[in-house]
Amino acid sequence: MNREALDRAVGKYAPHLSLGARNDLANLGHEFFLEKGAFLFCRNTSDDYEYILLNGIARTYLHNTEGTEVTLSFFEDNTVLPPYVTRTNNQRSLLFCDAVTDCRLIRFRAAEFEALMIDNLEIRNFGNSVLRIELQNKVLKEIRMASWTAKERLQQFRKDFSMLENQVPHPMIASYLGITNVSLSRLRKES
């Protein structure tokens, strides 16, 4: 396992995690590769893992009532993906997650991670930090979708994900912003 990459990712959420706590976490994890276009998890399927994206770009999405994909979130290098407790119900995934580019990840069995959180206060604080950030990101996105113009949402997207506009298919970005691909193209020409 690439310990430096794991330490970088964990450090974004818990910068002062001790070496012992990082070792405990590393001992639970299994590193793996996911090719571009492959699914990490699918809606209504069993998935009992926690994931950290070490390298690459992934996204979560759903289908709307017309069957069109609606991107919910993007994830870049050194990011914890939505926690098991927030993206599952009755041990079934509520979302789809796929690799937008080739990705390298670490996964932990959710039950083993939860047990480690109970036993280790530092890991518990790390897990709570991940949940806080996840909640904050979701609330901020809801506020932007409800009260910001499409142009403002695109400007914020560029701040949040500075390099994604050139790496991610524009229909994915448009759906994330809640606009059509034509509207996104028009906004990009204006700015």
N, C-alpha and C. Protein backbone atom coordinates (compact mmCIF):
# COMPACT_ATOMS: atom_id res chain seq x y z
N MET A 1 0.84 -1.18 0.00
CA MET A 1 0.00 0.00 0.00
C MET A 1 0.89 1.24 0.00
N ASN A 2 0.47 2.25 -0.74
CA ASN A 2 1.20 3.50 -0.82
C ASN A 2 0.88 4.34 0.42
N ARG A 3 1.73 4.26 1.43
CA ARG A 3 1.49 4.95 2.70
C ARG A 3 1.53 6.46 2.54
N GLU A 4 2.43 6.97 1.69
CA GLU A 4 2.50 8.42 1.50
C GLU A 4 1.18 8.95 0.95
N ALA A 5 0.60 8.26 -0.01
CA ALA A 5 -0.67 8.70 -0.61
C ALA A 5 -1.79 8.62 0.42
N LEU A 6 -1.82 7.56 1.20
CA LEU A 6 -2.84 7.44 2.25
C LEU A 6 -2.67 8.55 3.28
N ASP A 7 -1.44 8.83 3.68
CA ASP A 7 -1.20 9.89 4.66
C ASP A 7 -1.63 11.25 4.12
N ARG A 8 -1.38 11.52 2.83
CA ARG A 8 -1.81 12.79 2.23
C ARG A 8 -3.33 12.92 2.27
N ALA A 9 -4.02 11.86 1.90
CA ALA A 9 -5.49 11.90 1.86
C ALA A 9 -6.06 12.06 3.27
N VAL A 10 -5.59 11.29 4.20
CA VAL A 10 -6.08 11.36 5.58
C VAL A 10 -5.74 12.72 6.18
N GLY A 11 -4.58 13.24 5.83
CA GLY A 11 -4.13 14.53 6.36
C GLY A 11 -5.03 15.69 5.99
N LYS A 12 -5.77 15.58 4.89
CA LYS A 12 -6.72 16.64 4.52
C LYS A 12 -7.85 16.76 5.53
N TYR A 13 -8.17 15.66 6.20
CA TYR A 13 -9.29 15.61 7.13
C TYR A 13 -8.84 15.61 8.59
N ALA A 14 -7.67 15.05 8.84
CA ALA A 14 -7.15 14.94 10.21
C ALA A 14 -5.63 15.13 10.15
N PRO A 15 -5.18 16.40 10.05
CA PRO A 15 -3.75 16.66 9.84
C PRO A 15 -2.84 16.22 10.98
N HIS A 16 -3.38 16.01 12.16
CA HIS A 16 -2.54 15.67 13.31
C HIS A 16 -2.70 14.23 13.75
N LEU A 17 -3.15 13.37 12.86
CA LEU A 17 -3.32 11.96 13.19
C LEU A 17 -1.96 11.34 13.50
N SER A 18 -1.86 10.66 14.62
CA SER A 18 -0.58 10.08 15.05
C SER A 18 -0.16 8.95 14.11
N LEU A 19 1.12 8.63 14.19
CA LEU A 19 1.66 7.52 13.39
C LEU A 19 0.95 6.22 13.74
N GLY A 20 0.66 6.00 15.01
CA GLY A 20 -0.03 4.77 15.43
C GLY A 20 -1.42 4.67 14.82
N ALA A 21 -2.15 5.78 14.82
CA ALA A 21 -3.51 5.77 14.25
C ALA A 21 -3.44 5.57 12.74
N ARG A 22 -2.45 6.21 12.08
CA ARG A 22 -2.30 6.01 10.63
C ARG A 22 -1.93 4.57 10.32
N ASN A 23 -1.11 3.95 11.17
CA ASN A 23 -0.76 2.54 10.98
C ASN A 23 -1.98 1.65 11.14
N ASP A 24 -2.80 1.93 12.17
CA ASP A 24 -4.02 1.15 12.37
C ASP A 24 -4.92 1.23 11.14
N LEU A 25 -5.05 2.43 10.59
CA LEU A 25 -5.88 2.62 9.40
C LEU A 25 -5.29 1.91 8.20
N ALA A 26 -4.00 2.03 8.01
CA ALA A 26 -3.34 1.39 6.87
C ALA A 26 -3.47 -0.13 6.94
N ASN A 27 -3.45 -0.68 8.14
CA ASN A 27 -3.57 -2.14 8.29
C ASN A 27 -4.94 -2.65 7.87
N LEU A 28 -5.95 -1.79 7.88
CA LEU A 28 -7.30 -2.20 7.44
C LEU A 28 -7.48 -2.08 5.94
N GLY A 29 -6.68 -1.23 5.30
CA GLY A 29 -6.93 -0.86 3.92
C GLY A 29 -6.34 -1.80 2.89
N HIS A 30 -6.97 -1.80 1.73
CA HIS A 30 -6.50 -2.56 0.56
C HIS A 30 -6.53 -1.62 -0.64
N GLU A 31 -5.38 -1.45 -1.25
CA GLU A 31 -5.26 -0.56 -2.40
C GLU A 31 -5.69 -1.32 -3.66
N PHE A 32 -6.36 -0.61 -4.58
CA PHE A 32 -6.76 -1.22 -5.84
C PHE A 32 -6.89 -0.17 -6.93
N PHE A 33 -6.98 -0.63 -8.15
CA PHE A 33 -7.06 0.23 -9.34
C PHE A 33 -8.43 0.07 -9.98
N LEU A 34 -9.00 1.18 -10.44
CA LEU A 34 -10.29 1.16 -11.13
C LEU A 34 -10.11 1.88 -12.46
N GLU A 35 -10.40 1.18 -13.55
CA GLU A 35 -10.23 1.78 -14.87
C GLU A 35 -11.30 2.80 -15.17
N LYS A 36 -10.96 3.75 -16.00
CA LYS A 36 -11.88 4.78 -16.46
C LYS A 36 -13.17 4.12 -16.95
N GLY A 37 -14.32 4.63 -16.48
CA GLY A 37 -15.61 4.12 -16.89
C GLY A 37 -16.16 2.99 -16.04
N ALA A 38 -15.31 2.41 -15.19
CA ALA A 38 -15.76 1.29 -14.35
C ALA A 38 -16.53 1.83 -13.14
N PHE A 39 -17.44 1.01 -12.64
CA PHE A 39 -18.25 1.38 -11.48
C PHE A 39 -17.53 0.98 -10.19
N LEU A 40 -17.57 1.88 -9.23
CA LEU A 40 -17.08 1.56 -7.89
C LEU A 40 -18.22 0.93 -7.10
N PHE A 41 -19.40 1.53 -7.18
CA PHE A 41 -20.62 0.94 -6.62
C PHE A 41 -21.81 1.41 -7.45
N CYS A 42 -22.87 0.63 -7.39
CA CYS A 42 -24.07 0.91 -8.18
C CYS A 42 -25.28 0.98 -7.26
N ARG A 43 -26.24 1.75 -7.67
CA ARG A 43 -27.47 1.92 -6.89
C ARG A 43 -28.15 0.55 -6.69
N ASN A 44 -28.69 0.35 -5.51
CA ASN A 44 -29.44 -0.86 -5.14
C ASN A 44 -28.60 -2.12 -5.08
N THR A 45 -27.28 -1.99 -5.05
CA THR A 45 -26.43 -3.17 -4.89
C THR A 45 -25.74 -3.09 -3.53
N SER A 46 -25.34 -4.23 -3.05
CA SER A 46 -24.65 -4.31 -1.76
C SER A 46 -23.25 -3.72 -1.89
N ASP A 47 -22.88 -2.90 -0.94
CA ASP A 47 -21.55 -2.33 -0.91
C ASP A 47 -21.23 -2.00 0.53
N ASP A 48 -20.25 -2.66 1.11
CA ASP A 48 -19.98 -2.45 2.53
C ASP A 48 -18.57 -1.95 2.79
N TYR A 49 -18.14 -0.99 1.97
CA TYR A 49 -16.80 -0.43 2.08
C TYR A 49 -16.82 1.07 2.30
N GLU A 50 -15.72 1.55 2.86
CA GLU A 50 -15.36 2.96 2.88
C GLU A 50 -14.25 3.12 1.85
N TYR A 51 -14.19 4.26 1.16
CA TYR A 51 -13.22 4.45 0.09
C TYR A 51 -12.47 5.76 0.23
N ILE A 52 -11.18 5.71 -0.10
CA ILE A 52 -10.37 6.90 -0.23
C ILE A 52 -9.80 6.89 -1.65
N LEU A 53 -10.03 7.98 -2.37
CA LEU A 53 -9.50 8.13 -3.73
C LEU A 53 -8.10 8.73 -3.62
N LEU A 54 -7.09 7.97 -4.01
CA LEU A 54 -5.71 8.43 -3.94
C LEU A 54 -5.36 9.26 -5.16
N ASN A 55 -5.70 8.76 -6.34
CA ASN A 55 -5.42 9.44 -7.60
C ASN A 55 -6.58 9.24 -8.54
N GLY A 56 -6.86 10.26 -9.34
CA GLY A 56 -7.88 10.15 -10.37
C GLY A 56 -9.07 11.02 -10.06
N ILE A 57 -10.10 10.85 -10.89
CA ILE A 57 -11.35 11.58 -10.75
C ILE A 57 -12.49 10.57 -10.77
N ALA A 58 -13.37 10.70 -9.79
CA ALA A 58 -14.57 9.86 -9.71
C ALA A 58 -15.76 10.78 -9.50
N ARG A 59 -16.95 10.24 -9.68
CA ARG A 59 -18.15 11.03 -9.44
C ARG A 59 -19.25 10.13 -8.90
N THR A 60 -20.18 10.74 -8.19
CA THR A 60 -21.40 10.06 -7.80
C THR A 60 -22.53 10.66 -8.61
N TYR A 61 -23.53 9.82 -8.93
CA TYR A 61 -24.65 10.30 -9.72
C TYR A 61 -25.86 9.42 -9.53
N LEU A 62 -26.98 9.92 -10.00
CA LEU A 62 -28.25 9.20 -10.04
C LEU A 62 -28.87 9.41 -11.41
N HIS A 63 -29.98 8.73 -11.67
CA HIS A 63 -30.77 8.98 -12.88
C HIS A 63 -32.03 9.72 -12.47
N ASN A 64 -32.39 10.74 -13.26
CA ASN A 64 -33.64 11.44 -12.97
C ASN A 64 -34.82 10.65 -13.54
N THR A 65 -36.02 11.19 -13.44
CA THR A 65 -37.21 10.46 -13.87
C THR A 65 -37.23 10.18 -15.37
N GLU A 66 -36.46 10.94 -16.15
CA GLU A 66 -36.36 10.68 -17.59
C GLU A 66 -35.23 9.71 -17.93
N GLY A 67 -34.49 9.27 -16.90
CA GLY A 67 -33.39 8.33 -17.12
C GLY A 67 -32.06 9.00 -17.42
N THR A 68 -32.00 10.32 -17.33
CA THR A 68 -30.78 11.06 -17.59
C THR A 68 -29.90 11.07 -16.34
N GLU A 69 -28.60 10.90 -16.53
CA GLU A 69 -27.66 10.94 -15.41
C GLU A 69 -27.57 12.36 -14.85
N VAL A 70 -27.62 12.46 -13.52
CA VAL A 70 -27.45 13.73 -12.82
C VAL A 70 -26.26 13.57 -11.87
N THR A 71 -25.20 14.27 -12.17
CA THR A 71 -24.00 14.19 -11.34
C THR A 71 -24.23 14.91 -10.03
N LEU A 72 -23.96 14.22 -8.93
CA LEU A 72 -24.13 14.79 -7.59
C LEU A 72 -22.85 15.42 -7.07
N SER A 73 -21.73 14.72 -7.26
CA SER A 73 -20.45 15.20 -6.74
C SER A 73 -19.30 14.68 -7.59
N PHE A 74 -18.22 15.43 -7.57
CA PHE A 74 -16.96 15.00 -8.16
C PHE A 74 -15.95 14.82 -7.04
N PHE A 75 -14.99 13.93 -7.26
CA PHE A 75 -13.95 13.65 -6.28
C PHE A 75 -12.62 13.59 -7.00
N GLU A 76 -11.63 14.24 -6.42
CA GLU A 76 -10.29 14.29 -7.00
C GLU A 76 -9.29 13.60 -6.08
N ASP A 77 -8.01 13.68 -6.45
CA ASP A 77 -6.94 13.07 -5.67
C ASP A 77 -7.08 13.36 -4.17
N ASN A 78 -6.76 12.38 -3.37
CA ASN A 78 -6.67 12.52 -1.91
C ASN A 78 -8.00 12.94 -1.29
N THR A 79 -9.07 12.28 -1.69
CA THR A 79 -10.40 12.61 -1.19
C THR A 79 -11.08 11.36 -0.66
N VAL A 80 -11.75 11.51 0.47
CA VAL A 80 -12.58 10.43 1.00
C VAL A 80 -13.92 10.49 0.26
N LEU A 81 -14.35 9.37 -0.29
CA LEU A 81 -15.65 9.32 -0.95
C LEU A 81 -16.76 9.32 0.10
N PRO A 82 -18.01 9.58 -0.30
CA PRO A 82 -19.08 9.64 0.70
C PRO A 82 -19.06 8.42 1.62
N PRO A 83 -19.15 8.67 2.91
CA PRO A 83 -19.10 7.56 3.88
C PRO A 83 -20.24 6.56 3.69
N TYR A 84 -19.95 5.34 4.04
CA TYR A 84 -20.92 4.24 3.95
C TYR A 84 -22.26 4.63 4.57
N VAL A 85 -22.23 5.24 5.73
CA VAL A 85 -23.47 5.55 6.47
C VAL A 85 -24.33 6.57 5.72
N THR A 86 -23.72 7.43 4.89
CA THR A 86 -24.49 8.45 4.16
C THR A 86 -24.94 8.01 2.78
N ARG A 87 -24.33 6.96 2.24
CA ARG A 87 -24.65 6.57 0.86
C ARG A 87 -25.32 5.21 0.73
N THR A 88 -25.67 4.62 1.88
CA THR A 88 -26.36 3.33 1.84
C THR A 88 -27.62 3.38 2.70
N ASN A 89 -28.52 2.47 2.39
CA ASN A 89 -29.71 2.25 3.20
C ASN A 89 -29.98 0.76 3.17
N ASN A 90 -30.12 0.15 4.33
CA ASN A 90 -30.29 -1.31 4.42
C ASN A 90 -29.19 -2.05 3.66
N GLN A 91 -27.97 -1.55 3.79
CA GLN A 91 -26.77 -2.15 3.18
C GLN A 91 -26.79 -2.13 1.66
N ARG A 92 -27.62 -1.29 1.07
CA ARG A 92 -27.69 -1.13 -0.38
C ARG A 92 -27.29 0.29 -0.74
N SER A 93 -26.54 0.42 -1.80
CA SER A 93 -26.09 1.73 -2.24
C SER A 93 -27.26 2.57 -2.73
N LEU A 94 -27.27 3.83 -2.37
CA LEU A 94 -28.27 4.78 -2.84
C LEU A 94 -27.82 5.48 -4.12
N LEU A 95 -26.55 5.35 -4.46
CA LEU A 95 -25.94 6.11 -5.55
C LEU A 95 -25.16 5.21 -6.49
N PHE A 96 -24.82 5.77 -7.62
CA PHE A 96 -23.83 5.20 -8.51
C PHE A 96 -22.54 5.97 -8.29
N CYS A 97 -21.41 5.29 -8.44
CA CYS A 97 -20.11 5.96 -8.44
C CYS A 97 -19.28 5.30 -9.52
N ASP A 98 -18.74 6.14 -10.42
CA ASP A 98 -17.88 5.59 -11.46
C ASP A 98 -16.59 6.39 -11.57
N ALA A 99 -15.63 5.77 -12.24
CA ALA A 99 -14.32 6.40 -12.45
C ALA A 99 -14.39 7.23 -13.72
N VAL A 100 -14.21 8.53 -13.59
CA VAL A 100 -14.19 9.42 -14.75
C VAL A 100 -12.85 9.30 -15.46
N THR A 101 -11.79 9.05 -14.70
CA THR A 101 -10.47 8.75 -15.22
C THR A 101 -10.02 7.46 -14.53
N ASP A 102 -8.88 6.93 -14.94
CA ASP A 102 -8.30 5.82 -14.19
C ASP A 102 -8.09 6.28 -12.75
N CYS A 103 -8.39 5.42 -11.79
CA CYS A 103 -8.33 5.79 -10.37
C CYS A 103 -7.57 4.74 -9.57
N ARG A 104 -6.88 5.22 -8.56
CA ARG A 104 -6.25 4.36 -7.57
C ARG A 104 -6.90 4.69 -6.25
N LEU A 105 -7.40 3.66 -5.56
CA LEU A 105 -8.15 3.86 -4.33
C LEU A 105 -7.67 2.92 -3.24
N ILE A 106 -8.10 3.23 -2.03
CA ILE A 106 -7.96 2.32 -0.89
C ILE A 106 -9.36 2.10 -0.35
N ARG A 107 -9.65 0.87 0.00
CA ARG A 107 -10.96 0.59 0.60
C ARG A 107 -10.76 -0.12 1.93
N PHE A 108 -11.76 0.10 2.78
CA PHE A 108 -11.80 -0.51 4.11
C PHE A 108 -13.18 -1.10 4.29
N ARG A 109 -13.30 -2.26 4.86
CA ARG A 109 -14.62 -2.78 5.21
C ARG A 109 -15.25 -1.82 6.21
N ALA A 110 -16.48 -1.41 5.94
CA ALA A 110 -17.15 -0.41 6.77
C ALA A 110 -17.26 -0.88 8.22
N ALA A 111 -17.57 -2.13 8.43
CA ALA A 111 -17.72 -2.65 9.80
C ALA A 111 -16.38 -2.62 10.54
N GLU A 112 -15.29 -2.94 9.85
CA GLU A 112 -13.97 -2.91 10.48
C GLU A 112 -13.56 -1.47 10.79
N PHE A 113 -13.88 -0.55 9.87
CA PHE A 113 -13.57 0.86 10.12
C PHE A 113 -14.37 1.37 11.32
N GLU A 114 -15.64 1.00 11.39
CA GLU A 114 -16.48 1.42 12.52
C GLU A 114 -15.93 0.87 13.83
N ALA A 115 -15.49 -0.37 13.84
CA ALA A 115 -14.91 -0.95 15.06
C ALA A 115 -13.64 -0.20 15.46
N LEU A 116 -12.83 0.18 14.47
CA LEU A 116 -11.62 0.94 14.76
C LEU A 116 -11.98 2.32 15.32
N MET A 117 -13.06 2.92 14.81
CA MET A 117 -13.51 4.22 15.33
C MET A 117 -13.91 4.11 16.81
N ILE A 118 -14.52 3.00 17.17
CA ILE A 118 -14.94 2.79 18.56
C ILE A 118 -13.71 2.66 19.46
N ASP A 119 -12.70 1.94 18.97
CA ASP A 119 -11.51 1.67 19.77
C ASP A 119 -10.48 2.81 19.79
N ASN A 120 -10.50 3.66 18.77
CA ASN A 120 -9.44 4.64 18.61
C ASN A 120 -10.05 6.03 18.46
N LEU A 121 -9.85 6.89 19.45
CA LEU A 121 -10.42 8.23 19.45
C LEU A 121 -9.94 9.05 18.26
N GLU A 122 -8.69 8.91 17.89
CA GLU A 122 -8.16 9.67 16.74
C GLU A 122 -8.87 9.27 15.45
N ILE A 123 -9.09 7.99 15.26
CA ILE A 123 -9.79 7.53 14.05
C ILE A 123 -11.25 7.99 14.11
N ARG A 124 -11.84 7.98 15.29
CA ARG A 124 -13.22 8.48 15.45
C ARG A 124 -13.30 9.96 15.05
N ASN A 125 -12.32 10.75 15.49
CA ASN A 125 -12.29 12.16 15.12
C ASN A 125 -12.10 12.34 13.62
N PHE A 126 -11.26 11.50 13.02
CA PHE A 126 -11.09 11.52 11.57
C PHE A 126 -12.42 11.23 10.88
N GLY A 127 -13.11 10.17 11.30
CA GLY A 127 -14.40 9.81 10.72
C GLY A 127 -15.43 10.92 10.89
N ASN A 128 -15.45 11.54 12.06
CA ASN A 128 -16.38 12.65 12.29
C ASN A 128 -16.05 13.85 11.42
N SER A 129 -14.78 14.10 11.19
CA SER A 129 -14.36 15.19 10.31
C SER A 129 -14.84 14.94 8.88
N VAL A 130 -14.70 13.70 8.43
CA VAL A 130 -15.19 13.34 7.09
C VAL A 130 -16.69 13.60 6.99
N LEU A 131 -17.45 13.18 7.99
CA LEU A 131 -18.90 13.39 7.98
C LEU A 131 -19.26 14.87 7.99
N ARG A 132 -18.56 15.66 8.78
CA ARG A 132 -18.83 17.11 8.83
C ARG A 132 -18.59 17.76 7.47
N ILE A 133 -17.48 17.42 6.86
CA ILE A 133 -17.14 18.01 5.55
C ILE A 133 -18.16 17.56 4.51
N GLU A 134 -18.55 16.30 4.54
CA GLU A 134 -19.56 15.79 3.60
C GLU A 134 -20.87 16.56 3.76
N LEU A 135 -21.31 16.74 4.99
CA LEU A 135 -22.55 17.47 5.25
C LEU A 135 -22.43 18.93 4.80
N GLN A 136 -21.34 19.56 5.13
CA GLN A 136 -21.14 20.95 4.74
C GLN A 136 -21.17 21.10 3.22
N ASN A 137 -20.49 20.21 2.50
CA ASN A 137 -20.47 20.28 1.04
C ASN A 137 -21.87 20.11 0.46
N LYS A 138 -22.65 19.19 1.01
CA LYS A 138 -24.02 18.98 0.52
C LYS A 138 -24.91 20.19 0.77
N VAL A 139 -24.81 20.78 1.94
CA VAL A 139 -25.63 21.95 2.26
C VAL A 139 -25.24 23.12 1.36
N LEU A 140 -23.95 23.35 1.19
CA LEU A 140 -23.51 24.44 0.32
C LEU A 140 -24.00 24.24 -1.11
N LYS A 141 -23.95 23.00 -1.59
CA LYS A 141 -24.44 22.75 -2.96
C LYS A 141 -25.94 23.00 -3.04
N GLU A 142 -26.70 22.57 -2.04
CA GLU A 142 -28.15 22.82 -2.04
C GLU A 142 -28.45 24.32 -2.08
N ILE A 143 -27.73 25.09 -1.30
CA ILE A 143 -27.92 26.54 -1.28
C ILE A 143 -27.61 27.14 -2.66
N ARG A 144 -26.50 26.71 -3.24
CA ARG A 144 -26.13 27.23 -4.57
C ARG A 144 -27.16 26.86 -5.62
N MET A 145 -27.64 25.63 -5.58
CA MET A 145 -28.62 25.19 -6.58
C MET A 145 -29.93 25.97 -6.44
N ALA A 146 -30.30 26.32 -5.21
CA ALA A 146 -31.57 26.98 -4.98
C ALA A 146 -31.51 28.49 -5.20
N SER A 147 -30.35 29.10 -4.99
CA SER A 147 -30.35 30.56 -4.96
C SER A 147 -29.29 31.25 -5.83
N TRP A 148 -28.44 30.51 -6.48
CA TRP A 148 -27.41 31.12 -7.32
C TRP A 148 -27.77 30.99 -8.79
N THR A 149 -27.27 31.93 -9.59
CA THR A 149 -27.44 31.84 -11.04
C THR A 149 -26.53 30.75 -11.58
N ALA A 150 -26.81 30.31 -12.79
CA ALA A 150 -25.96 29.30 -13.43
C ALA A 150 -24.53 29.81 -13.57
N LYS A 151 -24.38 31.09 -13.89
CA LYS A 151 -23.04 31.67 -14.03
C LYS A 151 -22.29 31.62 -12.70
N GLU A 152 -22.96 31.95 -11.62
CA GLU A 152 -22.33 31.89 -10.29
C GLU A 152 -21.95 30.46 -9.93
N ARG A 153 -22.82 29.50 -10.27
CA ARG A 153 -22.51 28.10 -9.97
C ARG A 153 -21.29 27.64 -10.76
N LEU A 154 -21.18 28.05 -12.03
CA LEU A 154 -20.01 27.69 -12.84
C LEU A 154 -18.74 28.32 -12.26
N GLN A 155 -18.82 29.57 -11.84
CA GLN A 155 -17.65 30.22 -11.24
C GLN A 155 -17.20 29.49 -9.98
N GLN A 156 -18.16 29.07 -9.16
CA GLN A 156 -17.82 28.33 -7.94
C GLN A 156 -17.25 26.96 -8.28
N PHE A 157 -17.81 26.30 -9.28
CA PHE A 157 -17.28 25.01 -9.73
C PHE A 157 -15.81 25.16 -10.09
N ARG A 158 -15.47 26.23 -10.80
CA ARG A 158 -14.09 26.46 -11.21
C ARG A 158 -13.18 26.69 -10.00
N LYS A 159 -13.70 27.30 -8.96
CA LYS A 159 -12.91 27.49 -7.73
C LYS A 159 -12.75 26.16 -6.99
N ASP A 160 -13.83 25.40 -6.91
CA ASP A 160 -13.81 24.13 -6.18
C ASP A 160 -13.00 23.06 -6.89
N PHE A 161 -13.08 23.05 -8.22
CA PHE A 161 -12.44 22.01 -9.03
C PHE A 161 -11.67 22.67 -10.17
N SER A 162 -10.54 23.25 -9.86
CA SER A 162 -9.84 24.12 -10.80
C SER A 162 -9.45 23.45 -12.12
N MET A 163 -9.18 22.17 -12.11
CA MET A 163 -8.72 21.50 -13.33
C MET A 163 -9.77 20.61 -14.00
N LEU A 164 -10.90 20.41 -13.37
CA LEU A 164 -11.86 19.44 -13.88
C LEU A 164 -12.51 19.84 -15.20
N GLU A 165 -12.66 21.11 -15.44
CA GLU A 165 -13.37 21.55 -16.64
C GLU A 165 -12.70 21.04 -17.91
N ASN A 166 -11.40 20.80 -17.84
CA ASN A 166 -10.67 20.29 -19.00
C ASN A 166 -10.47 18.78 -18.97
N GLN A 167 -10.94 18.12 -17.92
CA GLN A 167 -10.72 16.67 -17.79
C GLN A 167 -12.00 15.85 -17.75
N VAL A 168 -13.13 16.51 -17.54
CA VAL A 168 -14.39 15.81 -17.34
C VAL A 168 -15.32 16.14 -18.51
N PRO A 169 -16.05 15.16 -19.03
CA PRO A 169 -17.02 15.46 -20.09
C PRO A 169 -18.00 16.56 -19.66
N HIS A 170 -18.22 17.52 -20.53
CA HIS A 170 -19.06 18.66 -20.18
C HIS A 170 -20.50 18.31 -19.82
N PRO A 171 -21.10 17.27 -20.40
CA PRO A 171 -22.44 16.91 -19.93
C PRO A 171 -22.48 16.55 -18.44
N MET A 172 -21.41 15.95 -17.91
CA MET A 172 -21.34 15.65 -16.48
C MET A 172 -21.30 16.94 -15.67
N ILE A 173 -20.52 17.90 -16.13
CA ILE A 173 -20.42 19.19 -15.43
C ILE A 173 -21.76 19.91 -15.49
N ALA A 174 -22.39 19.92 -16.66
CA ALA A 174 -23.68 20.59 -16.81
C ALA A 174 -24.71 20.00 -15.86
N SER A 175 -24.76 18.68 -15.77
CA SER A 175 -25.75 18.07 -14.87
C SER A 175 -25.42 18.39 -13.41
N TYR A 176 -24.14 18.46 -13.06
CA TYR A 176 -23.73 18.85 -11.71
C TYR A 176 -24.21 20.27 -11.40
N LEU A 177 -24.15 21.13 -12.39
CA LEU A 177 -24.55 22.53 -12.21
C LEU A 177 -26.06 22.74 -12.33
N GLY A 178 -26.78 21.71 -12.77
CA GLY A 178 -28.23 21.82 -12.91
C GLY A 178 -28.65 22.59 -14.14
N ILE A 179 -27.82 22.53 -15.19
CA ILE A 179 -28.13 23.22 -16.44
C ILE A 179 -27.95 22.27 -17.61
N THR A 180 -28.38 22.68 -18.78
CA THR A 180 -28.19 21.86 -19.98
C THR A 180 -26.76 22.02 -20.49
N ASN A 181 -26.35 21.09 -21.30
CA ASN A 181 -25.03 21.17 -21.91
C ASN A 181 -24.92 22.40 -22.82
N VAL A 182 -26.02 22.75 -23.50
CA VAL A 182 -26.05 23.94 -24.36
C VAL A 182 -25.83 25.20 -23.51
N SER A 183 -26.51 25.27 -22.36
CA SER A 183 -26.33 26.42 -21.46
C SER A 183 -24.90 26.50 -20.95
N LEU A 184 -24.31 25.36 -20.63
CA LEU A 184 -22.92 25.36 -20.17
C LEU A 184 -22.01 25.88 -21.27
N SER A 185 -22.21 25.42 -22.48
CA SER A 185 -21.40 25.87 -23.61
C SER A 185 -21.51 27.39 -23.77
N ARG A 186 -22.72 27.92 -23.66
CA ARG A 186 -22.94 29.37 -23.78
C ARG A 186 -22.22 30.12 -22.66
N LEU A 187 -22.35 29.62 -21.43
CA LEU A 187 -21.68 30.27 -20.30
C LEU A 187 -20.17 30.24 -20.44
N ARG A 188 -19.64 29.15 -20.94
CA ARG A 188 -18.19 29.03 -21.12
C ARG A 188 -17.70 30.03 -22.16
N LYS A 189 -18.49 30.27 -23.22
CA LYS A 189 -18.11 31.24 -24.24
C LYS A 189 -18.16 32.66 -23.70
N GLU A 190 -19.07 32.93 -22.77
CA GLU A 190 -19.22 34.27 -22.19
C GLU A 190 -18.10 34.62 -21.22
N SER A 191 -17.49 33.59 -20.62
CA SER A 191 -16.50 33.89 -19.58
C SER A 191 -15.07 33.71 -20.06
